[in-house]
Amino acid sequence: MKSLYSRLAGQWDTLFPPDSQRVLFLDELMPTSGARIIEVGCGTGATAISLASLGHSVAASDLDEDMIQLARKSAGEGVEFSIDDMISALQKVPSQSAHAVLCMGNTLPHLTAEGELEQFFQAAGDALLPGGSLVIQMLNYPRITALGSLQLPDLQGDGLTFRRKQTFDETSGLIYFDTRVIAGNQKEQRRHNLRPFDVQELELAAEKAGLEPAGVFCDWKRSPFRDNNPWLVSLYEAL
């Protein structure tokens, strides 16, 4: 019998519909119509597939095997999917070969070990061509740490409910991300530890890796970022 989380993966694009504004933002960022793009934490691959359909060449990865299986079933020309963690995937990219590295959907905070943020930025910087872009999208964690906890809205799928809560633990400095999938009388739950990075930490790691800040927004429409915004979109340029 499939786990409830496997069933959840099959409904991911319904619960989190592909964002056309995100694809437009990324496409406009590319310096050429056939850009080489690396995406880590790609989920079911909706963004990677959309970018490939616009003529770009995309290599996308995720650690979740269910997600990658679904992505491969939907993939057309111009996109390849692999199962890998963020840092390893970037370290396999030939030096100075990518026009863009993408890390979206609150993937980056899964780097919780000491030094992993710096390793990520260094690997991204090594992969990028001069002038290439690193794009990070994540929750605005200073907002959540100030609140102490955040109960995210329940998401209703076909016969299941996806429940999510993030809680800041002052002792460890981590966010406990608790999720639960409910289908009738069945329930499954998981906890992931997240690191609540802020803009200053990202910019410091970027500077060490030879990347220059190129913009901070709260959405894919390039709206100015403010402290109370739920989301953060941060851009960096390889020198």
Protein backbone atom coordinates (compact mmCIF):
# COMPACT_ATOMS: atom_id res chain seq x y z
CA MET A 1 0.00 0.00 0.00
CA LYS A 2 1.26 3.46 -0.89
CA SER A 3 2.08 5.74 2.02
CA LEU A 4 -0.06 8.84 2.41
CA TYR A 5 3.00 10.94 1.58
CA SER A 6 3.36 9.07 -1.73
CA ARG A 7 -0.29 9.88 -2.43
CA LEU A 8 0.46 13.48 -1.50
CA ALA A 9 3.24 13.63 -4.11
CA GLY A 10 0.73 12.56 -6.75
CA GLN A 11 -1.44 15.57 -5.91
CA TRP A 12 1.37 18.08 -5.40
CA ASP A 13 0.67 20.17 -8.49
CA THR A 14 -2.99 20.41 -7.48
CA LEU A 15 -2.18 21.52 -3.95
CA PHE A 16 0.60 23.83 -5.16
CA PRO A 17 -0.42 24.90 -8.69
CA PRO A 18 2.41 25.84 -11.07
CA ASP A 19 3.11 29.58 -10.92
CA SER A 20 3.11 31.21 -14.36
CA GLN A 21 4.46 34.47 -12.89
CA ARG A 22 7.47 32.59 -11.52
CA VAL A 23 8.21 31.10 -14.94
CA LEU A 24 7.91 34.54 -16.57
CA PHE A 25 10.27 36.06 -13.98
CA LEU A 26 12.86 33.33 -14.56
CA ASP A 27 12.57 33.37 -18.34
CA GLU A 28 13.10 37.15 -18.42
CA LEU A 29 16.16 36.73 -16.19
CA MET A 30 17.91 34.46 -18.69
CA PRO A 31 20.54 36.14 -20.91
CA THR A 32 19.79 33.87 -23.88
CA SER A 33 16.87 31.89 -25.29
CA GLY A 34 18.72 28.61 -24.76
CA ALA A 35 20.05 29.12 -21.25
CA ARG A 36 21.58 26.29 -19.22
CA ILE A 37 19.62 26.14 -15.93
CA ILE A 38 20.22 24.07 -12.79
CA GLU A 39 17.33 23.62 -10.34
CA VAL A 40 17.71 21.97 -6.94
CA GLY A 41 14.70 20.92 -4.87
CA CYS A 42 12.56 20.78 -8.01
CA GLY A 43 9.66 18.76 -6.55
CA THR A 44 7.48 17.39 -9.36
CA GLY A 45 9.41 19.46 -11.89
CA ALA A 46 6.64 21.83 -13.01
CA THR A 47 8.91 24.88 -13.23
CA ALA A 48 11.76 22.97 -14.89
CA ILE A 49 9.40 21.51 -17.51
CA SER A 50 7.90 24.95 -18.21
CA LEU A 51 11.35 26.51 -18.68
CA ALA A 52 12.41 23.68 -20.99
CA SER A 53 9.27 24.25 -23.08
CA LEU A 54 10.51 27.82 -23.62
CA GLY A 55 13.74 26.53 -25.15
CA HIS A 56 16.02 26.38 -22.12
CA SER A 57 18.12 23.37 -21.12
CA VAL A 58 17.32 22.34 -17.55
CA ALA A 59 18.92 19.84 -15.15
CA ALA A 60 16.70 19.46 -12.09
CA SER A 61 17.03 17.37 -8.94
CA ASP A 62 15.21 16.50 -5.73
CA LEU A 63 15.78 14.03 -2.89
CA ASP A 64 12.18 12.76 -2.98
CA GLU A 65 11.99 9.69 -5.24
CA ASP A 66 8.19 9.93 -5.60
CA MET A 67 8.49 13.51 -6.84
CA ILE A 68 11.22 12.67 -9.35
CA GLN A 69 9.28 9.68 -10.71
CA LEU A 70 6.33 11.98 -11.38
CA ALA A 71 8.60 14.62 -12.92
CA ARG A 72 10.15 12.09 -15.32
CA LYS A 73 6.70 10.96 -16.48
CA SER A 74 5.82 14.55 -17.41
CA ALA A 75 9.19 15.56 -18.86
CA GLY A 76 9.63 16.50 -22.49
CA GLU A 77 12.73 17.53 -24.39
CA GLY A 78 15.28 19.82 -22.80
CA VAL A 79 14.96 18.69 -19.18
CA GLU A 80 16.66 15.96 -17.16
CA PHE A 81 15.74 14.86 -13.64
CA SER A 82 17.88 13.19 -10.98
CA ILE A 83 17.62 12.19 -7.33
CA ASP A 84 20.19 14.17 -5.38
CA ASP A 85 20.68 16.60 -2.51
CA MET A 86 21.25 20.29 -3.14
CA ILE A 87 24.98 20.49 -2.56
CA SER A 88 25.92 17.24 -4.30
CA ALA A 89 23.83 18.15 -7.34
CA LEU A 90 25.60 21.50 -7.68
CA GLN A 91 29.05 20.02 -7.14
CA LYS A 92 28.48 17.73 -10.14
CA VAL A 93 27.88 20.67 -12.47
CA PRO A 94 30.92 21.54 -14.64
CA SER A 95 32.62 24.76 -13.55
CA GLN A 96 31.22 27.97 -15.06
CA SER A 97 28.70 26.16 -17.26
CA ALA A 98 25.30 27.38 -16.02
CA HIS A 99 23.45 30.61 -16.73
CA ALA A 100 21.29 30.18 -13.63
CA VAL A 101 20.95 28.14 -10.44
CA LEU A 102 17.46 27.95 -8.90
CA CYS A 103 16.59 26.99 -5.32
CA MET A 104 12.92 27.71 -4.67
CA GLY A 105 9.89 26.66 -2.65
CA ASN A 106 11.62 26.98 0.75
CA THR A 107 14.21 24.33 -0.11
CA LEU A 108 17.30 26.15 1.18
CA PRO A 109 16.36 26.04 4.92
CA HIS A 110 16.72 22.24 4.81
CA LEU A 111 20.49 22.90 5.05
CA THR A 112 20.76 22.69 8.83
CA ALA A 113 24.32 21.47 9.46
CA GLU A 114 27.20 23.82 10.25
CA GLY A 115 28.83 25.17 7.09
CA GLU A 116 26.25 23.79 4.64
CA LEU A 117 24.97 27.23 3.65
CA GLU A 118 28.49 28.30 2.70
CA GLN A 119 29.03 25.02 0.79
CA PHE A 120 25.81 25.61 -1.13
CA PHE A 121 26.75 29.13 -2.17
CA GLN A 122 30.27 28.08 -3.10
CA ALA A 123 28.98 25.21 -5.26
CA ALA A 124 26.44 27.51 -6.91
CA GLY A 125 29.11 30.14 -7.55
CA ASP A 126 31.44 27.55 -9.07
CA ALA A 127 28.67 26.29 -11.39
CA LEU A 128 27.67 29.72 -12.71
CA LEU A 129 29.07 31.50 -15.71
CA PRO A 130 30.25 35.09 -15.06
CA GLY A 131 27.09 37.18 -14.96
CA GLY A 132 24.98 34.11 -14.16
CA SER A 133 22.19 34.26 -11.59
CA LEU A 134 21.43 32.42 -8.37
CA VAL A 135 17.73 32.63 -7.48
CA ILE A 136 16.53 31.74 -3.98
CA GLN A 137 12.92 31.71 -2.82
CA MET A 138 12.11 30.93 0.79
CA LEU A 139 9.88 31.93 3.66
CA ASN A 140 10.74 35.14 5.49
CA TYR A 141 11.99 33.49 8.67
CA PRO A 142 12.60 36.52 10.91
CA ARG A 143 8.84 37.00 10.70
CA ILE A 144 8.22 33.42 11.88
CA THR A 145 10.85 33.44 14.63
CA ALA A 146 9.31 36.65 15.99
CA LEU A 147 5.89 34.98 16.06
CA GLY A 148 7.27 31.80 17.63
CA SER A 149 5.12 29.52 15.48
CA LEU A 150 3.06 29.63 12.32
CA GLN A 151 0.13 27.37 11.46
CA LEU A 152 -0.08 27.30 7.68
CA PRO A 153 -3.48 26.90 5.98
CA ASP A 154 -4.72 23.33 5.51
CA LEU A 155 -4.61 22.15 1.91
CA GLN A 156 -7.42 19.93 0.63
CA GLY A 157 -6.63 17.34 -2.02
CA ASP A 158 -8.57 14.46 -3.53
CA GLY A 159 -9.53 12.54 -0.39
CA LEU A 160 -6.75 13.93 1.78
CA THR A 161 -5.82 16.94 3.89
CA PHE A 162 -2.28 18.30 4.19
CA ARG A 163 -1.64 20.07 7.51
CA ARG A 164 1.53 22.09 8.23
CA LYS A 165 2.99 23.98 11.19
CA GLN A 166 6.36 25.65 11.76
CA THR A 167 7.63 26.22 15.30
CA PHE A 168 10.80 28.05 16.33
CA ASP A 169 12.93 26.34 18.98
CA GLU A 170 15.07 28.96 20.72
CA THR A 171 17.44 26.40 22.25
CA SER A 172 18.53 24.80 18.97
CA GLY A 173 17.86 27.83 16.79
CA LEU A 174 15.95 25.57 14.40
CA ILE A 175 12.45 25.57 12.99
CA TYR A 176 10.48 22.36 13.57
CA PHE A 177 8.38 21.83 10.45
CA ASP A 178 5.60 19.39 11.34
CA THR A 179 3.40 18.02 8.58
CA ARG A 180 0.47 15.63 8.67
CA VAL A 181 -1.42 13.92 5.87
CA ILE A 182 -4.96 12.86 6.77
CA ALA A 183 -7.14 10.59 4.65
CA GLY A 184 -10.28 9.40 6.40
CA ASN A 185 -9.16 7.47 9.49
CA GLN A 186 -5.56 7.25 8.28
CA LYS A 187 -2.91 9.71 9.43
CA GLU A 188 0.80 10.03 8.79
CA GLN A 189 3.07 12.72 10.14
CA ARG A 190 6.66 13.83 9.70
CA ARG A 191 8.99 16.41 11.20
CA HIS A 192 11.74 18.21 9.32
CA ASN A 193 14.28 20.49 10.94
CA LEU A 194 14.85 23.77 9.10
CA ARG A 195 17.41 26.54 9.53
CA PRO A 196 15.72 29.99 9.63
CA PHE A 197 18.17 31.94 7.46
CA ASP A 198 17.75 35.69 7.07
CA VAL A 199 18.84 38.01 4.26
CA GLN A 200 22.05 39.01 6.04
CA GLU A 201 23.18 35.39 6.37
CA LEU A 202 22.49 34.78 2.69
CA GLU A 203 24.39 37.87 1.61
CA LEU A 204 27.40 37.00 3.78
CA ALA A 205 27.57 33.48 2.32
CA ALA A 206 27.17 34.94 -1.17
CA GLU A 207 30.03 37.39 -0.64
CA LYS A 208 32.35 34.57 0.48
CA ALA A 209 31.47 32.66 -2.71
CA GLY A 210 32.12 35.62 -5.01
CA LEU A 211 28.46 36.36 -5.67
CA GLU A 212 26.99 39.85 -5.59
CA PRO A 213 23.46 40.68 -4.33
CA ALA A 214 21.27 41.63 -7.29
CA GLY A 215 17.84 42.21 -5.74
CA VAL A 216 15.51 41.26 -2.90
CA PHE A 217 11.77 40.96 -3.52
CA CYS A 218 8.70 39.57 -1.80
CA ASP A 219 7.20 37.91 -4.90
CA TRP A 220 7.77 37.05 -8.55
CA LYS A 221 6.42 40.45 -9.63
CA ARG A 222 9.54 42.12 -8.17
CA SER A 223 7.55 43.86 -5.44
CA PRO A 224 9.89 45.45 -2.85
CA PHE A 225 10.66 43.23 0.14
CA ARG A 226 9.46 44.35 3.58
CA ASP A 227 10.01 42.78 6.99
CA ASN A 228 6.38 41.61 7.32
CA ASN A 229 6.21 39.86 3.94
CA PRO A 230 5.62 36.08 4.08
CA TRP A 231 8.07 35.26 1.27
CA LEU A 232 11.54 36.28 0.17
CA VAL A 233 12.94 36.14 -3.37
CA SER A 234 16.67 36.87 -3.40
CA LEU A 235 18.94 37.22 -6.45
CA TYR A 236 22.73 36.97 -6.69
CA GLU A 237 25.04 37.48 -9.66
CA ALA A 238 28.30 35.66 -10.34
CA LEU A 239 31.22 38.04 -10.85
